[in-house]
Amino acid sequence: MSQPADAHQAFVELEREIGLLLRRSRAISARLAGQLHPELDGAAYGLLSLLQDAGPLRASELVTRIGLDKSTVSRQVAHLVQLGLVNRAADPVDGRAQVLTPSPEGAARLARIRDVRRARWEDDLSDWPQSDVASLADLLHRLNRIGEAREAEARGGSSTG
């Protein structure tokens, strides 16, 4: 990639590369969901991943964190529960509400996919210095925190996690 001529051009290139990354990410999520279970779509893979990383969560927290509309999340969660990949339980703080967690089967399937993906990243980036991989992870983390803060601001709340 060439060096940008000025700051504006750097942001033009950043937008282009992030757009490409997001398009590729949606395609990968759809493929991974199919590997998780043949009846799932990409959104379900993201929900199960979030539950594994941040759960247990209420469905309303999933809506907030993943940025999908309530009906989509509700439909996806119901499908994940039906397939035995997610469990519902009474919220220990508020028994009227339910919290969602990956089932043992859902967690095991997700772990297998993540192990394969991690191995692929290690292979694809094997010629990168470890410091570059760490820098990329750090920069993406920082970018994600900015996105979370923007989403929280749009909702009128504060950022979590």
N, C-alpha and C. Protein backbone atom coordinates (compact mmCIF):
# COMPACT_ATOMS: atom_id res chain seq x y z
N MET A 1 0.85 -1.18 0.00
CA MET A 1 0.00 0.00 0.00
C MET A 1 0.89 1.24 0.00
N SER A 2 0.54 2.20 -0.80
CA SER A 2 1.34 3.42 -0.92
C SER A 2 1.09 4.34 0.27
N GLN A 3 2.04 5.23 0.50
CA GLN A 3 1.89 6.23 1.56
C GLN A 3 0.89 7.29 1.12
N PRO A 4 -0.07 7.66 1.97
CA PRO A 4 -1.03 8.72 1.61
C PRO A 4 -0.32 10.06 1.47
N ALA A 5 -0.80 10.86 0.51
CA ALA A 5 -0.19 12.17 0.25
C ALA A 5 -0.48 13.15 1.37
N ASP A 6 -1.63 13.03 2.00
CA ASP A 6 -1.99 13.96 3.06
C ASP A 6 -2.94 13.28 4.03
N ALA A 7 -3.30 13.99 5.08
CA ALA A 7 -4.17 13.42 6.11
C ALA A 7 -5.52 13.01 5.53
N HIS A 8 -6.10 13.84 4.68
CA HIS A 8 -7.39 13.52 4.08
C HIS A 8 -7.30 12.20 3.31
N GLN A 9 -6.27 12.05 2.51
CA GLN A 9 -6.11 10.83 1.73
C GLN A 9 -5.94 9.61 2.63
N ALA A 10 -5.28 9.79 3.76
CA ALA A 10 -5.13 8.69 4.71
C ALA A 10 -6.50 8.20 5.19
N PHE A 11 -7.42 9.14 5.46
CA PHE A 11 -8.76 8.76 5.91
C PHE A 11 -9.58 8.15 4.77
N VAL A 12 -9.36 8.61 3.56
CA VAL A 12 -10.02 7.99 2.40
C VAL A 12 -9.59 6.53 2.29
N GLU A 13 -8.29 6.28 2.41
CA GLU A 13 -7.78 4.92 2.33
C GLU A 13 -8.24 4.08 3.52
N LEU A 14 -8.29 4.67 4.70
CA LEU A 14 -8.78 3.96 5.88
C LEU A 14 -10.23 3.53 5.68
N GLU A 15 -11.06 4.44 5.19
CA GLU A 15 -12.48 4.11 4.97
C GLU A 15 -12.60 2.98 3.96
N ARG A 16 -11.83 3.03 2.90
CA ARG A 16 -11.88 1.98 1.87
C ARG A 16 -11.47 0.62 2.45
N GLU A 17 -10.38 0.60 3.20
CA GLU A 17 -9.89 -0.67 3.75
C GLU A 17 -10.83 -1.23 4.82
N ILE A 18 -11.40 -0.36 5.64
CA ILE A 18 -12.36 -0.85 6.65
C ILE A 18 -13.62 -1.36 5.96
N GLY A 19 -14.07 -0.67 4.92
CA GLY A 19 -15.23 -1.16 4.17
C GLY A 19 -14.98 -2.54 3.60
N LEU A 20 -13.81 -2.75 3.03
CA LEU A 20 -13.45 -4.07 2.49
C LEU A 20 -13.41 -5.10 3.60
N LEU A 21 -12.82 -4.75 4.74
CA LEU A 21 -12.75 -5.66 5.88
C LEU A 21 -14.16 -6.04 6.36
N LEU A 22 -15.05 -5.08 6.43
CA LEU A 22 -16.42 -5.35 6.90
C LEU A 22 -17.18 -6.24 5.92
N ARG A 23 -17.05 -5.98 4.63
CA ARG A 23 -17.71 -6.84 3.64
C ARG A 23 -17.19 -8.26 3.73
N ARG A 24 -15.88 -8.39 3.84
CA ARG A 24 -15.29 -9.73 3.95
C ARG A 24 -15.72 -10.39 5.26
N SER A 25 -15.81 -9.61 6.33
CA SER A 25 -16.21 -10.14 7.62
C SER A 25 -17.63 -10.70 7.59
N ARG A 26 -18.56 -10.00 6.91
CA ARG A 26 -19.93 -10.50 6.80
C ARG A 26 -19.97 -11.83 6.07
N ALA A 27 -19.19 -11.94 5.01
CA ALA A 27 -19.15 -13.20 4.26
C ALA A 27 -18.56 -14.32 5.11
N ILE A 28 -17.52 -14.00 5.85
CA ILE A 28 -16.90 -15.00 6.72
C ILE A 28 -17.86 -15.42 7.83
N SER A 29 -18.56 -14.47 8.43
CA SER A 29 -19.53 -14.81 9.49
C SER A 29 -20.61 -15.74 8.97
N ALA A 30 -21.08 -15.50 7.76
CA ALA A 30 -22.10 -16.38 7.17
C ALA A 30 -21.54 -17.78 6.99
N ARG A 31 -20.31 -17.88 6.52
CA ARG A 31 -19.70 -19.20 6.32
C ARG A 31 -19.48 -19.91 7.66
N LEU A 32 -19.00 -19.17 8.65
CA LEU A 32 -18.76 -19.76 9.97
C LEU A 32 -20.06 -20.21 10.63
N ALA A 33 -21.11 -19.44 10.45
CA ALA A 33 -22.41 -19.83 11.00
C ALA A 33 -22.85 -21.16 10.40
N GLY A 34 -22.64 -21.33 9.10
CA GLY A 34 -22.98 -22.59 8.46
C GLY A 34 -22.15 -23.75 8.99
N GLN A 35 -20.90 -23.46 9.36
CA GLN A 35 -20.06 -24.50 9.96
C GLN A 35 -20.52 -24.83 11.38
N LEU A 36 -21.03 -23.81 12.08
CA LEU A 36 -21.53 -24.00 13.44
C LEU A 36 -22.76 -24.89 13.41
N HIS A 37 -23.66 -24.58 12.48
CA HIS A 37 -24.87 -25.39 12.27
C HIS A 37 -25.41 -25.01 10.90
N PRO A 38 -25.78 -25.98 10.08
CA PRO A 38 -26.22 -25.67 8.72
C PRO A 38 -27.45 -24.77 8.62
N GLU A 39 -28.21 -24.62 9.70
CA GLU A 39 -29.42 -23.81 9.66
C GLU A 39 -29.21 -22.37 10.16
N LEU A 40 -27.97 -21.97 10.43
CA LEU A 40 -27.72 -20.64 10.98
C LEU A 40 -27.24 -19.67 9.92
N ASP A 41 -27.47 -18.37 10.18
CA ASP A 41 -26.91 -17.34 9.33
C ASP A 41 -25.85 -16.56 10.12
N GLY A 42 -25.21 -15.61 9.46
CA GLY A 42 -24.09 -14.89 10.06
C GLY A 42 -24.42 -14.16 11.34
N ALA A 43 -25.62 -13.61 11.45
CA ALA A 43 -25.99 -12.88 12.66
C ALA A 43 -25.99 -13.81 13.88
N ALA A 44 -26.42 -15.04 13.69
CA ALA A 44 -26.46 -15.99 14.80
C ALA A 44 -25.05 -16.32 15.30
N TYR A 45 -24.11 -16.42 14.36
CA TYR A 45 -22.72 -16.67 14.77
C TYR A 45 -22.23 -15.53 15.67
N GLY A 46 -22.50 -14.29 15.28
CA GLY A 46 -22.10 -13.14 16.09
C GLY A 46 -22.73 -13.13 17.47
N LEU A 47 -24.00 -13.51 17.55
CA LEU A 47 -24.69 -13.56 18.85
C LEU A 47 -24.06 -14.62 19.75
N LEU A 48 -23.82 -15.80 19.20
CA LEU A 48 -23.23 -16.86 20.01
C LEU A 48 -21.83 -16.47 20.46
N SER A 49 -21.06 -15.86 19.59
CA SER A 49 -19.71 -15.40 19.95
C SER A 49 -19.77 -14.39 21.09
N LEU A 50 -20.68 -13.43 21.00
CA LEU A 50 -20.82 -12.42 22.04
C LEU A 50 -21.24 -13.05 23.36
N LEU A 51 -22.17 -13.99 23.31
CA LEU A 51 -22.58 -14.67 24.54
C LEU A 51 -21.40 -15.42 25.16
N GLN A 52 -20.58 -16.04 24.34
CA GLN A 52 -19.42 -16.77 24.86
C GLN A 52 -18.44 -15.80 25.51
N ASP A 53 -18.22 -14.66 24.89
CA ASP A 53 -17.21 -13.71 25.37
C ASP A 53 -17.69 -12.84 26.52
N ALA A 54 -18.98 -12.48 26.52
CA ALA A 54 -19.47 -11.49 27.48
C ALA A 54 -20.62 -11.99 28.34
N GLY A 55 -21.12 -13.18 28.07
CA GLY A 55 -22.31 -13.67 28.73
C GLY A 55 -22.08 -14.00 30.18
N PRO A 56 -23.14 -14.37 30.87
CA PRO A 56 -24.52 -14.42 30.41
C PRO A 56 -25.09 -13.00 30.22
N LEU A 57 -25.95 -12.90 29.22
CA LEU A 57 -26.56 -11.62 28.90
C LEU A 57 -28.06 -11.77 28.70
N ARG A 58 -28.79 -10.71 28.98
CA ARG A 58 -30.20 -10.65 28.62
C ARG A 58 -30.28 -10.35 27.12
N ALA A 59 -31.41 -10.69 26.51
CA ALA A 59 -31.60 -10.40 25.09
C ALA A 59 -31.49 -8.90 24.83
N SER A 60 -31.99 -8.08 25.75
CA SER A 60 -31.90 -6.63 25.56
C SER A 60 -30.45 -6.16 25.53
N GLU A 61 -29.58 -6.81 26.30
CA GLU A 61 -28.16 -6.45 26.28
C GLU A 61 -27.53 -6.87 24.95
N LEU A 62 -27.97 -7.99 24.41
CA LEU A 62 -27.48 -8.40 23.08
C LEU A 62 -27.84 -7.35 22.04
N VAL A 63 -29.08 -6.88 22.09
CA VAL A 63 -29.54 -5.86 21.14
C VAL A 63 -28.61 -4.65 21.22
N THR A 64 -28.34 -4.19 22.43
CA THR A 64 -27.50 -3.01 22.64
C THR A 64 -26.08 -3.25 22.16
N ARG A 65 -25.51 -4.38 22.50
CA ARG A 65 -24.10 -4.63 22.20
C ARG A 65 -23.83 -4.97 20.74
N ILE A 66 -24.76 -5.63 20.10
CA ILE A 66 -24.47 -6.09 18.73
C ILE A 66 -25.03 -5.16 17.67
N GLY A 67 -25.96 -4.28 18.07
CA GLY A 67 -26.44 -3.27 17.14
C GLY A 67 -27.46 -3.77 16.13
N LEU A 68 -28.11 -4.88 16.41
CA LEU A 68 -29.20 -5.36 15.55
C LEU A 68 -30.53 -4.96 16.19
N ASP A 69 -31.59 -4.98 15.39
CA ASP A 69 -32.89 -4.62 15.96
C ASP A 69 -33.41 -5.77 16.83
N LYS A 70 -34.32 -5.40 17.71
CA LYS A 70 -34.84 -6.33 18.72
C LYS A 70 -35.48 -7.57 18.09
N SER A 71 -36.23 -7.39 17.01
CA SER A 71 -36.90 -8.55 16.40
C SER A 71 -35.90 -9.52 15.78
N THR A 72 -34.83 -9.00 15.19
CA THR A 72 -33.80 -9.87 14.62
C THR A 72 -33.12 -10.67 15.72
N VAL A 73 -32.75 -9.99 16.81
CA VAL A 73 -32.10 -10.68 17.92
C VAL A 73 -33.03 -11.72 18.52
N SER A 74 -34.28 -11.37 18.71
CA SER A 74 -35.26 -12.30 19.28
C SER A 74 -35.39 -13.55 18.41
N ARG A 75 -35.50 -13.35 17.11
CA ARG A 75 -35.62 -14.48 16.18
C ARG A 75 -34.36 -15.35 16.20
N GLN A 76 -33.20 -14.70 16.19
CA GLN A 76 -31.94 -15.45 16.19
C GLN A 76 -31.76 -16.22 17.50
N VAL A 77 -32.08 -15.58 18.62
CA VAL A 77 -31.94 -16.26 19.92
C VAL A 77 -32.88 -17.46 19.98
N ALA A 78 -34.12 -17.28 19.55
CA ALA A 78 -35.07 -18.40 19.56
C ALA A 78 -34.55 -19.57 18.72
N HIS A 79 -33.95 -19.25 17.58
CA HIS A 79 -33.41 -20.29 16.71
C HIS A 79 -32.20 -20.97 17.38
N LEU A 80 -31.33 -20.20 18.00
CA LEU A 80 -30.18 -20.78 18.70
C LEU A 80 -30.62 -21.69 19.85
N VAL A 81 -31.66 -21.27 20.57
CA VAL A 81 -32.20 -22.09 21.66
C VAL A 81 -32.81 -23.37 21.09
N GLN A 82 -33.60 -23.23 20.04
CA GLN A 82 -34.23 -24.38 19.40
C GLN A 82 -33.21 -25.42 18.93
N LEU A 83 -32.07 -24.95 18.43
CA LEU A 83 -31.02 -25.85 17.94
C LEU A 83 -30.14 -26.39 19.06
N GLY A 84 -30.40 -25.96 20.29
CA GLY A 84 -29.63 -26.46 21.43
C GLY A 84 -28.26 -25.81 21.58
N LEU A 85 -28.06 -24.65 20.97
CA LEU A 85 -26.77 -23.98 21.03
C LEU A 85 -26.71 -22.90 22.10
N VAL A 86 -27.87 -22.47 22.59
CA VAL A 86 -27.97 -21.44 23.64
C VAL A 86 -28.98 -21.91 24.68
N ASN A 87 -28.67 -21.63 25.94
CA ASN A 87 -29.58 -21.92 27.05
C ASN A 87 -30.15 -20.62 27.60
N ARG A 88 -31.41 -20.69 28.03
CA ARG A 88 -32.06 -19.59 28.74
C ARG A 88 -32.17 -20.00 30.20
N ALA A 89 -31.98 -19.03 31.10
CA ALA A 89 -32.13 -19.29 32.54
C ALA A 89 -32.65 -18.02 33.20
N ALA A 90 -33.22 -18.18 34.38
CA ALA A 90 -33.69 -17.02 35.13
C ALA A 90 -32.50 -16.15 35.50
N ASP A 91 -32.67 -14.86 35.37
CA ASP A 91 -31.63 -13.90 35.75
C ASP A 91 -31.49 -13.95 37.27
N PRO A 92 -30.28 -14.22 37.79
CA PRO A 92 -30.12 -14.29 39.24
C PRO A 92 -30.38 -12.97 39.95
N VAL A 93 -30.27 -11.85 39.23
CA VAL A 93 -30.53 -10.53 39.82
C VAL A 93 -32.01 -10.20 39.78
N ASP A 94 -32.69 -10.58 38.70
CA ASP A 94 -34.11 -10.29 38.51
C ASP A 94 -34.75 -11.54 37.91
N GLY A 95 -35.35 -12.34 38.75
CA GLY A 95 -35.92 -13.62 38.33
C GLY A 95 -37.00 -13.52 37.27
N ARG A 96 -37.54 -12.32 37.06
CA ARG A 96 -38.56 -12.14 36.02
C ARG A 96 -37.92 -12.15 34.63
N ALA A 97 -36.65 -11.81 34.56
CA ALA A 97 -35.94 -11.75 33.28
C ALA A 97 -35.17 -13.05 33.04
N GLN A 98 -34.76 -13.23 31.79
CA GLN A 98 -33.96 -14.40 31.44
C GLN A 98 -32.60 -13.96 30.94
N VAL A 99 -31.60 -14.78 31.24
CA VAL A 99 -30.27 -14.56 30.70
C VAL A 99 -29.94 -15.71 29.75
N LEU A 100 -29.09 -15.40 28.81
CA LEU A 100 -28.71 -16.35 27.77
C LEU A 100 -27.24 -16.70 27.90
N THR A 101 -26.93 -17.96 27.72
CA THR A 101 -25.55 -18.43 27.71
C THR A 101 -25.42 -19.50 26.63
N PRO A 102 -24.22 -19.67 26.08
CA PRO A 102 -24.05 -20.79 25.15
C PRO A 102 -24.27 -22.11 25.90
N SER A 103 -24.92 -23.04 25.26
CA SER A 103 -25.04 -24.37 25.84
C SER A 103 -23.66 -25.04 25.75
N PRO A 104 -23.46 -26.13 26.46
CA PRO A 104 -22.18 -26.84 26.31
C PRO A 104 -21.90 -27.21 24.84
N GLU A 105 -22.93 -27.62 24.11
CA GLU A 105 -22.77 -27.95 22.69
C GLU A 105 -22.41 -26.70 21.87
N GLY A 106 -23.11 -25.60 22.14
CA GLY A 106 -22.82 -24.36 21.42
C GLY A 106 -21.41 -23.87 21.70
N ALA A 107 -20.99 -23.94 22.97
CA ALA A 107 -19.64 -23.50 23.34
C ALA A 107 -18.58 -24.40 22.69
N ALA A 108 -18.84 -25.69 22.65
CA ALA A 108 -17.86 -26.62 22.05
C ALA A 108 -17.73 -26.39 20.55
N ARG A 109 -18.87 -26.21 19.87
CA ARG A 109 -18.82 -25.96 18.43
C ARG A 109 -18.10 -24.64 18.12
N LEU A 110 -18.41 -23.62 18.91
CA LEU A 110 -17.78 -22.32 18.71
C LEU A 110 -16.28 -22.41 18.96
N ALA A 111 -15.88 -23.13 20.00
CA ALA A 111 -14.45 -23.28 20.31
C ALA A 111 -13.71 -23.96 19.15
N ARG A 112 -14.31 -24.98 18.56
CA ARG A 112 -13.67 -25.67 17.43
C ARG A 112 -13.46 -24.72 16.26
N ILE A 113 -14.48 -23.92 15.95
CA ILE A 113 -14.37 -22.96 14.84
C ILE A 113 -13.32 -21.91 15.15
N ARG A 114 -13.32 -21.40 16.36
CA ARG A 114 -12.35 -20.37 16.73
C ARG A 114 -10.92 -20.91 16.69
N ASP A 115 -10.73 -22.16 17.09
CA ASP A 115 -9.39 -22.75 17.03
C ASP A 115 -8.90 -22.82 15.58
N VAL A 116 -9.78 -23.20 14.67
CA VAL A 116 -9.42 -23.26 13.26
C VAL A 116 -9.11 -21.86 12.73
N ARG A 117 -9.94 -20.89 13.09
CA ARG A 117 -9.71 -19.50 12.63
C ARG A 117 -8.40 -18.96 13.16
N ARG A 118 -8.11 -19.22 14.45
CA ARG A 118 -6.86 -18.74 15.04
C ARG A 118 -5.66 -19.36 14.31
N ALA A 119 -5.75 -20.64 14.03
CA ALA A 119 -4.67 -21.31 13.31
C ALA A 119 -4.49 -20.70 11.91
N ARG A 120 -5.61 -20.35 11.29
CA ARG A 120 -5.54 -19.72 9.96
C ARG A 120 -4.86 -18.36 10.04
N TRP A 121 -5.23 -17.56 11.06
CA TRP A 121 -4.58 -16.26 11.24
C TRP A 121 -3.08 -16.45 11.46
N GLU A 122 -2.72 -17.41 12.30
CA GLU A 122 -1.30 -17.66 12.56
C GLU A 122 -0.57 -18.04 11.28
N ASP A 123 -1.21 -18.84 10.44
CA ASP A 123 -0.60 -19.23 9.18
C ASP A 123 -0.52 -18.03 8.23
N ASP A 124 -1.63 -17.30 8.08
CA ASP A 124 -1.67 -16.17 7.15
C ASP A 124 -0.68 -15.07 7.53
N LEU A 125 -0.47 -14.88 8.82
CA LEU A 125 0.40 -13.79 9.28
C LEU A 125 1.74 -14.31 9.81
N SER A 126 2.11 -15.51 9.42
CA SER A 126 3.33 -16.12 9.95
C SER A 126 4.59 -15.33 9.60
N ASP A 127 4.55 -14.56 8.51
CA ASP A 127 5.73 -13.77 8.15
C ASP A 127 5.69 -12.35 8.72
N TRP A 128 4.67 -12.04 9.50
CA TRP A 128 4.60 -10.74 10.17
C TRP A 128 5.38 -10.83 11.48
N PRO A 129 6.08 -9.77 11.84
CA PRO A 129 6.68 -9.74 13.19
C PRO A 129 5.57 -9.78 14.25
N GLN A 130 5.85 -10.47 15.34
CA GLN A 130 4.87 -10.57 16.43
C GLN A 130 4.44 -9.19 16.89
N SER A 131 5.35 -8.23 16.87
CA SER A 131 5.01 -6.88 17.31
C SER A 131 3.98 -6.24 16.38
N ASP A 132 4.01 -6.55 15.07
CA ASP A 132 3.01 -6.03 14.14
C ASP A 132 1.63 -6.63 14.43
N VAL A 133 1.60 -7.93 14.73
CA VAL A 133 0.33 -8.58 15.06
C VAL A 133 -0.24 -7.96 16.33
N ALA A 134 0.61 -7.75 17.33
CA ALA A 134 0.17 -7.14 18.58
C ALA A 134 -0.29 -5.70 18.35
N SER A 135 0.42 -4.97 17.50
CA SER A 135 0.02 -3.59 17.20
C SER A 135 -1.33 -3.55 16.50
N LEU A 136 -1.54 -4.46 15.54
CA LEU A 136 -2.82 -4.52 14.84
C LEU A 136 -3.95 -4.82 15.83
N ALA A 137 -3.74 -5.78 16.71
CA ALA A 137 -4.76 -6.12 17.71
C ALA A 137 -5.05 -4.91 18.59
N ASP A 138 -4.01 -4.19 19.00
CA ASP A 138 -4.19 -3.01 19.85
C ASP A 138 -4.95 -1.91 19.11
N LEU A 139 -4.59 -1.66 17.87
CA LEU A 139 -5.26 -0.62 17.09
C LEU A 139 -6.73 -0.97 16.85
N LEU A 140 -7.01 -2.23 16.54
CA LEU A 140 -8.41 -2.64 16.36
C LEU A 140 -9.19 -2.52 17.66
N HIS A 141 -8.55 -2.86 18.77
CA HIS A 141 -9.19 -2.71 20.08
C HIS A 141 -9.55 -1.24 20.31
N ARG A 142 -8.61 -0.35 20.04
CA ARG A 142 -8.87 1.08 20.21
C ARG A 142 -10.00 1.55 19.29
N LEU A 143 -10.00 1.09 18.06
CA LEU A 143 -11.05 1.46 17.11
C LEU A 143 -12.41 0.94 17.59
N ASN A 144 -12.44 -0.27 18.10
CA ASN A 144 -13.70 -0.83 18.61
C ASN A 144 -14.21 -0.06 19.82
N ARG A 145 -13.33 0.41 20.69
CA ARG A 145 -13.78 1.20 21.85
C ARG A 145 -14.40 2.52 21.38
N ILE A 146 -13.85 3.11 20.33
CA ILE A 146 -14.43 4.34 19.78
C ILE A 146 -15.84 4.04 19.27
N GLY A 147 -15.99 2.94 18.55
CA GLY A 147 -17.30 2.55 18.03
C GLY A 147 -18.30 2.30 19.14
N GLU A 148 -17.87 1.63 20.20
CA GLU A 148 -18.75 1.38 21.34
C GLU A 148 -19.19 2.69 21.99
N ALA A 149 -18.25 3.62 22.12
CA ALA A 149 -18.59 4.91 22.73
C ALA A 149 -19.58 5.67 21.86
N ARG A 150 -19.39 5.64 20.55
CA ARG A 150 -20.34 6.31 19.63
C ARG A 150 -21.73 5.69 19.75
N GLU A 151 -21.80 4.35 19.81
CA GLU A 151 -23.09 3.67 19.93
C GLU A 151 -23.76 4.03 21.25
N ALA A 152 -22.99 4.07 22.33
CA ALA A 152 -23.54 4.42 23.64
C ALA A 152 -24.06 5.86 23.62
N GLU A 153 -23.30 6.73 22.98
CA GLU A 153 -23.70 8.13 22.88
C GLU A 153 -25.01 8.25 22.09
N ALA A 154 -25.14 7.50 21.02
CA ALA A 154 -26.35 7.53 20.21
C ALA A 154 -27.55 7.02 20.99
N ARG A 155 -27.32 6.07 21.91
CA ARG A 155 -28.40 5.55 22.74
C ARG A 155 -28.67 6.44 23.94
N GLY A 156 -27.77 7.40 24.19
CA GLY A 156 -27.94 8.28 25.34
C GLY A 156 -27.44 7.68 26.62
N GLY A 157 -26.62 6.62 26.51
CA GLY A 157 -26.08 5.96 27.70
C GLY A 157 -24.58 6.07 27.72
N SER A 158 -23.98 5.18 28.48
CA SER A 158 -22.52 5.17 28.57
C SER A 158 -22.01 3.86 28.02
N SER A 159 -20.77 3.85 27.61
CA SER A 159 -20.12 2.67 27.02
C SER A 159 -19.90 1.63 28.08
N THR A 160 -20.04 0.34 27.68
CA THR A 160 -19.72 -0.77 28.55
C THR A 160 -18.68 -1.62 27.88
N GLY A 161 -17.81 -2.25 28.73
CA GLY A 161 -16.84 -3.24 28.30
C GLY A 161 -15.93 -2.79 27.32
